[in-house]
PDB file of N, CA and C in Angstrom:
ATOM      1  N   UNK A   1      69.222  97.354 111.311  1.00  0.00           N
ATOM      2  CA  UNK A   1      69.985  96.679 110.284  1.00  0.00           C
ATOM      3  C   UNK A   1      70.645  97.694 109.346  1.00  0.00           C
ATOM      4  N   UNK A   2      69.946  98.805 109.127  1.00  0.00           N
ATOM      5  CA  UNK A   2      70.473  99.849 108.245  1.00  0.00           C
ATOM      6  C   UNK A   2      71.791 100.396 108.785  1.00  0.00           C
ATOM      7  N   UNK A   3      71.864 100.603 110.084  1.00  0.00           N
ATOM      8  CA  UNK A   3      73.067 101.176 110.675  1.00  0.00           C
ATOM      9  C   UNK A   3      74.214 100.162 110.698  1.00  0.00           C
ATOM     10  N   UNK A   4      73.892  98.904 110.856  1.00  0.00           N
ATOM     11  CA  UNK A   4      74.933  97.876 110.837  1.00  0.00           C
ATOM     12  C   UNK A   4      75.566  97.796 109.451  1.00  0.00           C
ATOM     13  N   UNK A   5      74.741  97.791 108.415  1.00  0.00           N
ATOM     14  CA  UNK A   5      75.272  97.739 107.058  1.00  0.00           C
ATOM     15  C   UNK A   5      76.023  99.022 106.710  1.00  0.00           C
ATOM     16  N   UNK A   6      75.560 100.146 107.250  1.00  0.00           N
ATOM     17  CA  UNK A   6      76.284 101.399 107.030  1.00  0.00           C
ATOM     18  C   UNK A   6      77.684 101.300 107.633  1.00  0.00           C
ATOM     19  N   UNK A   7      77.779 100.726 108.836  1.00  0.00           N
ATOM     20  CA  UNK A   7      79.093 100.569 109.460  1.00  0.00           C
ATOM     21  C   UNK A   7      79.966  99.598 108.677  1.00  0.00           C
ATOM     22  N   UNK A   8      79.388  98.504 108.185  1.00  0.00           N
ATOM     23  CA  UNK A   8      80.164  97.521 107.424  1.00  0.00           C
ATOM     24  C   UNK A   8      80.768  98.162 106.178  1.00  0.00           C
ATOM     25  N   UNK A   9      79.952  98.890 105.421  1.00  0.00           N
ATOM     26  CA  UNK A   9      80.461  99.535 104.208  1.00  0.00           C
ATOM     27  C   UNK A   9      81.463 100.638 104.533  1.00  0.00           C
ATOM     28  N   UNK A  10      81.187 101.406 105.570  1.00  0.00           N
ATOM     29  CA  UNK A  10      82.124 102.451 105.976  1.00  0.00           C
ATOM     30  C   UNK A  10      83.446 101.831 106.423  1.00  0.00           C
ATOM     31  N   UNK A  11      83.361 100.732 107.135  1.00  0.00           N
ATOM     32  CA  UNK A  11      84.561 100.032 107.592  1.00  0.00           C
ATOM     33  C   UNK A  11      85.390  99.535 106.404  1.00  0.00           C
ATOM     34  N   UNK A  12      84.738  98.876 105.458  1.00  0.00           N
ATOM     35  CA  UNK A  12      85.462  98.346 104.298  1.00  0.00           C
ATOM     36  C   UNK A  12      86.105  99.457 103.469  1.00  0.00           C
ATOM     37  N   UNK A  13      85.354 100.509 103.223  1.00  0.00           N
ATOM     38  CA  UNK A  13      85.885 101.604 102.405  1.00  0.00           C
ATOM     39  C   UNK A  13      86.992 102.371 103.120  1.00  0.00           C
ATOM     40  N   UNK A  14      86.849 102.578 104.426  1.00  0.00           N
ATOM     41  CA  UNK A  14      87.901 103.306 105.146  1.00  0.00           C
ATOM     42  C   UNK A  14      89.173 102.474 105.252  1.00  0.00           C
ATOM     43  N   UNK A  15      89.052 101.158 105.439  1.00  0.00           N
ATOM     44  CA  UNK A  15      90.247 100.305 105.455  1.00  0.00           C
ATOM     45  C   UNK A  15      90.946 100.333 104.102  1.00  0.00           C
ATOM     46  N   UNK A  16      90.162 100.340 103.030  1.00  0.00           N
ATOM     47  CA  UNK A  16      90.747 100.402 101.697  1.00  0.00           C
ATOM     48  C   UNK A  16      91.494 101.720 101.504  1.00  0.00           C
ATOM     49  N   UNK A  17      90.902 102.824 101.916  1.00  0.00           N
ATOM     50  CA  UNK A  17      91.535 104.134 101.765  1.00  0.00           C
ATOM     51  C   UNK A  17      92.812 104.214 102.601  1.00  0.00           C
ATOM     52  N   UNK A  18      92.767 103.721 103.822  1.00  0.00           N
ATOM     53  CA  UNK A  18      93.952 103.745 104.678  1.00  0.00           C
ATOM     54  C   UNK A  18      95.062 102.890 104.067  1.00  0.00           C
ATOM     55  N   UNK A  19      94.719 101.740 103.508  1.00  0.00           N
ATOM     56  CA  UNK A  19      95.717 100.879 102.887  1.00  0.00           C
ATOM     57  C   UNK A  19      96.364 101.553 101.675  1.00  0.00           C
ATOM     58  N   UNK A  20      95.547 102.134 100.819  1.00  0.00           N
ATOM     59  CA  UNK A  20      96.076 102.772  99.610  1.00  0.00           C
ATOM     60  C   UNK A  20      96.950 103.972  99.965  1.00  0.00           C
ATOM     61  N   UNK A  21      96.496 104.807 100.885  1.00  0.00           N
ATOM     62  CA  UNK A  21      97.277 105.984 101.255  1.00  0.00           C
ATOM     63  C   UNK A  21      98.588 105.585 101.934  1.00  0.00           C
ATOM     64  N   UNK A  22      98.532 104.569 102.802  1.00  0.00           N
ATOM     65  CA  UNK A  22      99.778 104.135 103.449  1.00  0.00           C
ATOM     66  C   UNK A  22     100.731 103.507 102.439  1.00  0.00           C
ATOM     67  N   UNK A  23     100.203 102.827 101.432  1.00  0.00           N
ATOM     68  CA  UNK A  23     101.075 102.265 100.394  1.00  0.00           C
ATOM     69  C   UNK A  23     101.702 103.360  99.548  1.00  0.00           C
ATOM     70  N   UNK A  24     100.937 104.371  99.227  1.00  0.00           N
ATOM     71  CA  UNK A  24     101.472 105.462  98.408  1.00  0.00           C
ATOM     72  C   UNK A  24     102.545 106.247  99.163  1.00  0.00           C
ATOM     73  N   UNK A  25     102.432 106.320 100.476  1.00  0.00           N
ATOM     74  CA  UNK A  25     103.416 107.058 101.280  1.00  0.00           C
ATOM     75  C   UNK A  25     104.539 106.165 101.796  1.00  0.00           C
ATOM     76  N   UNK A  26     104.534 104.889 101.422  1.00  0.00           N
ATOM     77  CA  UNK A  26     105.541 103.912 101.871  1.00  0.00           C
ATOM     78  C   UNK A  26     105.592 103.835 103.396  1.00  0.00           C
ATOM     79  N   UNK A  27     104.434 103.867 104.018  1.00  0.00           N
ATOM     80  CA  UNK A  27     104.304 103.760 105.463  1.00  0.00           C
ATOM     81  C   UNK A  27     103.682 102.405 105.789  1.00  0.00           C
ATOM     82  N   UNK A  28     103.863 101.916 107.008  1.00  0.00           N
ATOM     83  CA  UNK A  28     103.218 100.649 107.375  1.00  0.00           C
ATOM     84  C   UNK A  28     101.702 100.829 107.517  1.00  0.00           C
ATOM     85  N   UNK A  29     100.968  99.774 107.207  1.00  0.00           N
ATOM     86  CA  UNK A  29      99.506  99.783 107.296  1.00  0.00           C
ATOM     87  C   UNK A  29      99.090  99.587 108.744  1.00  0.00           C
ATOM     88  N   UNK A  30      98.196 100.465 109.232  1.00  0.00           N
ATOM     89  CA  UNK A  30      97.679 100.359 110.596  1.00  0.00           C
ATOM     90  C   UNK A  30      96.179 100.088 110.531  1.00  0.00           C
ATOM     91  N   UNK A  31      95.803  98.892 110.949  1.00  0.00           N
ATOM     92  CA  UNK A  31      94.401  98.479 110.933  1.00  0.00           C
ATOM     93  C   UNK A  31      93.547  99.368 111.828  1.00  0.00           C
ATOM     94  N   UNK A  32      94.097  99.784 112.953  1.00  0.00           N
ATOM     95  CA  UNK A  32      93.353 100.573 113.937  1.00  0.00           C
ATOM     96  C   UNK A  32      92.925 101.927 113.370  1.00  0.00           C
ATOM     97  N   UNK A  33      93.727 102.490 112.497  1.00  0.00           N
ATOM     98  CA  UNK A  33      93.383 103.781 111.903  1.00  0.00           C
ATOM     99  C   UNK A  33      92.102 103.675 111.093  1.00  0.00           C
ATOM    100  N   UNK A  34      91.978 102.604 110.316  1.00  0.00           N
ATOM    101  CA  UNK A  34      90.764 102.393 109.526  1.00  0.00           C
ATOM    102  C   UNK A  34      89.545 102.176 110.397  1.00  0.00           C
ATOM    103  N   UNK A  35      89.713 101.472 111.504  1.00  0.00           N
ATOM    104  CA  UNK A  35      88.596 101.242 112.425  1.00  0.00           C
ATOM    105  C   UNK A  35      88.147 102.563 113.038  1.00  0.00           C
ATOM    106  N   UNK A  36      89.107 103.373 113.468  1.00  0.00           N
ATOM    107  CA  UNK A  36      88.780 104.675 114.058  1.00  0.00           C
ATOM    108  C   UNK A  36      88.046 105.563 113.046  1.00  0.00           C
ATOM    109  N   UNK A  37      88.546 105.613 111.816  1.00  0.00           N
ATOM    110  CA  UNK A  37      87.915 106.424 110.773  1.00  0.00           C
ATOM    111  C   UNK A  37      86.500 105.917 110.492  1.00  0.00           C
ATOM    112  N   UNK A  38      86.323 104.600 110.459  1.00  0.00           N
ATOM    113  CA  UNK A  38      85.002 104.020 110.194  1.00  0.00           C
ATOM    114  C   UNK A  38      84.007 104.375 111.299  1.00  0.00           C
ATOM    115  N   UNK A  39      84.448 104.325 112.538  1.00  0.00           N
ATOM    116  CA  UNK A  39      83.551 104.654 113.656  1.00  0.00           C
ATOM    117  C   UNK A  39      83.151 106.125 113.600  1.00  0.00           C
ATOM    118  N   UNK A  40      84.125 107.000 113.379  1.00  0.00           N
ATOM    119  CA  UNK A  40      83.833 108.435 113.321  1.00  0.00           C
ATOM    120  C   UNK A  40      82.898 108.754 112.153  1.00  0.00           C
ATOM    121  N   UNK A  41      83.174 108.201 110.982  1.00  0.00           N
ATOM    122  CA  UNK A  41      82.320 108.480 109.823  1.00  0.00           C
ATOM    123  C   UNK A  41      80.919 107.913 109.994  1.00  0.00           C
ATOM    124  N   UNK A  42      80.803 106.742 110.603  1.00  0.00           N
ATOM    125  CA  UNK A  42      79.477 106.168 110.842  1.00  0.00           C
ATOM    126  C   UNK A  42      78.666 107.053 111.786  1.00  0.00           C
ATOM    127  N   UNK A  43      79.291 107.550 112.837  1.00  0.00           N
ATOM    128  CA  UNK A  43      78.589 108.440 113.771  1.00  0.00           C
ATOM    129  C   UNK A  43      78.164 109.721 113.061  1.00  0.00           C
ATOM    130  N   UNK A  44      79.045 110.294 112.247  1.00  0.00           N
ATOM    131  CA  UNK A  44      78.690 111.510 111.509  1.00  0.00           C
ATOM    132  C   UNK A  44      77.551 111.263 110.528  1.00  0.00           C
ATOM    133  N   UNK A  45      77.571 110.126 109.841  1.00  0.00           N
ATOM    134  CA  UNK A  45      76.495 109.806 108.901  1.00  0.00           C
ATOM    135  C   UNK A  45      75.165 109.602 109.614  1.00  0.00           C
ATOM    136  N   UNK A  46      75.189 108.947 110.762  1.00  0.00           N
ATOM    137  CA  UNK A  46      73.951 108.749 111.526  1.00  0.00           C
ATOM    138  C   UNK A  46      73.404 110.086 111.990  1.00  0.00           C
ATOM    139  N   UNK A  47      74.278 110.984 112.446  1.00  0.00           N
ATOM    140  CA  UNK A  47      73.824 112.314 112.844  1.00  0.00           C
ATOM    141  C   UNK A  47      73.220 113.081 111.672  1.00  0.00           C
ATOM    142  N   UNK A  48      73.836 112.973 110.506  1.00  0.00           N
ATOM    143  CA  UNK A  48      73.296 113.640 109.321  1.00  0.00           C
ATOM    144  C   UNK A  48      71.920 113.084 108.958  1.00  0.00           C
ATOM    145  N   UNK A  49      71.743 111.769 109.065  1.00  0.00           N
ATOM    146  CA  UNK A  49      70.455 111.154 108.758  1.00  0.00           C
ATOM    147  C   UNK A  49      69.395 111.644 109.731  1.00  0.00           C
ATOM    148  N   UNK A  50      69.751 111.763 111.002  1.00  0.00           N
ATOM    149  CA  UNK A  50      68.784 112.202 112.017  1.00  0.00           C
ATOM    150  C   UNK A  50      68.444 113.690 111.870  1.00  0.00           C
ATOM    151  N   UNK A  51      69.391 114.507 111.408  1.00  0.00           N
ATOM    152  CA  UNK A  51      69.155 115.948 111.324  1.00  0.00           C
ATOM    153  C   UNK A  51      68.387 116.366 110.071  1.00  0.00           C
ATOM    154  N   UNK A  52      68.540 115.625 108.985  1.00  0.00           N
ATOM    155  CA  UNK A  52      67.855 115.980 107.746  1.00  0.00           C
ATOM    156  C   UNK A  52      66.393 115.556 107.844  1.00  0.00           C
ATOM    157  N   UNK A  53      65.449 116.470 107.660  1.00  0.00           N
ATOM    158  CA  UNK A  53      64.046 116.116 107.779  1.00  0.00           C
ATOM    159  C   UNK A  53      63.612 115.183 106.648  1.00  0.00           C
ATOM    160  N   UNK A  54      62.697 114.288 106.977  1.00  0.00           N
ATOM    161  CA  UNK A  54      62.200 113.317 105.996  1.00  0.00           C
ATOM    162  C   UNK A  54      60.713 113.550 105.737  1.00  0.00           C
ATOM    163  N   UNK A  55      60.302 114.794 105.788  1.00  0.00           N
ATOM    164  CA  UNK A  55      58.897 115.145 105.588  1.00  0.00           C
ATOM    165  C   UNK A  55      58.715 115.737 104.207  1.00  0.00           C
ATOM    166  N   UNK A  56      57.544 115.543 103.634  1.00  0.00           N
ATOM    167  CA  UNK A  56      57.306 116.147 102.319  1.00  0.00           C
ATOM    168  C   UNK A  56      57.248 117.667 102.420  1.00  0.00           C
ATOM    169  N   UNK A  57      57.690 118.324 101.386  1.00  0.00           N
ATOM    170  CA  UNK A  57      57.730 119.784 101.355  1.00  0.00           C
ATOM    171  C   UNK A  57      56.412 120.279 100.758  1.00  0.00           C
ATOM    172  N   UNK A  58      55.832 121.270 101.421  1.00  0.00           N
ATOM    173  CA  UNK A  58      54.598 121.857 100.908  1.00  0.00           C
ATOM    174  C   UNK A  58      54.894 122.702  99.684  1.00  0.00           C
ATOM    175  N   UNK A  59      53.994 122.692  98.736  1.00  0.00           N
ATOM    176  CA  UNK A  59      54.160 123.521  97.544  1.00  0.00           C
ATOM    177  C   UNK A  59      53.731 124.930  97.874  1.00  0.00           C
ATOM    178  N   UNK A  60      54.515 125.910  97.447  1.00  0.00           N
ATOM    179  CA  UNK A  60      54.210 127.316  97.715  1.00  0.00           C
ATOM    180  C   UNK A  60      53.762 127.996  96.455  1.00  0.00           C
TER     181      UNK A  60
END
């Protein structure tokens, strides 16, 4: 469920960014660009979550 919600939020935010940037550049809005960005960012975020250790650090 965590990954699904991560994709939903990434999707919404990336679509918003693509819309704003395309409006500022007077270009047509492309829905597919936001979907592609959302998929790539979700995969990168999942990889970051898996690579960062979640273990307590020993005191030295």
